[in-house]
Amino acid sequence: MKQNTSNTILITAVFLLSAALLRMVNAETGWYHFTPIVAMSIFSGALLKRKPLAFALPLLAYLLTDIYMQIVHHNGFYGISQSFVYGAMLLVVLMGSFMKKKNILNIAGFSIGGTLLFWLISNLGVFVAGYYGISWEGLSTTYIMALPFYRDEMATTLFTNALVGDLIFSGVFFGCYALLSRSKQVSGQLAK
């Protein structure tokens, strides 16, 4: 059992490092929000039994990319709204920890739910930062401007990239994990 837990932690760490690197590449290529942020948080919450580690790994991966963004683009750290982004990630990890069955329907549902939760919380940070004013009008304007169906093509692209990226990367993470787990079980049985 301990070996299996160690393998899960190692696989999760590799996936999270890959996610961080992909976020950096996406920032350089302009594919904003097509990153596995929600996917890595759900995956970590769903598979890691050590919950402090499940919460720490996605935050560490995201922090590494924020440090990179600060050094290279001078926009990695941008104020109070960023704390809402990190808080949203923690809530998505918590949400992932409630996934009992790791099947396609659950993974897709948790990915969509995680994307929406992340969107709601991170945009609340935009409101708290006062981009559109601290009032009921400012709150409604914040969420209207962030709606993917609003006239703002950039908002549509960002939300669509996030949703599609989260679905794809959740499928990749959970699928690769299932294949790796299955191959380890097969090789373990052959060694007996």
Foldseek 3Di string as FASTA:
>chain_A
DVVVLVVLLVLLLVLLLVQLVVQLVCVVVVLALLTQLLLSLLSLLQPHPPVVSSLPRSVVSLVVSLVVCCVPVVPSDDDQLVVLLSVLSNVSSPVSNPDDDPDLVSLLVSLVVSLVSSLVRSLVSVVVVQPQHPDPVSSVVSVQVLDLPHPDVVSVSNSVSNSVSNSVSNCVSSVVVVVVVVVVVVVVVVVD
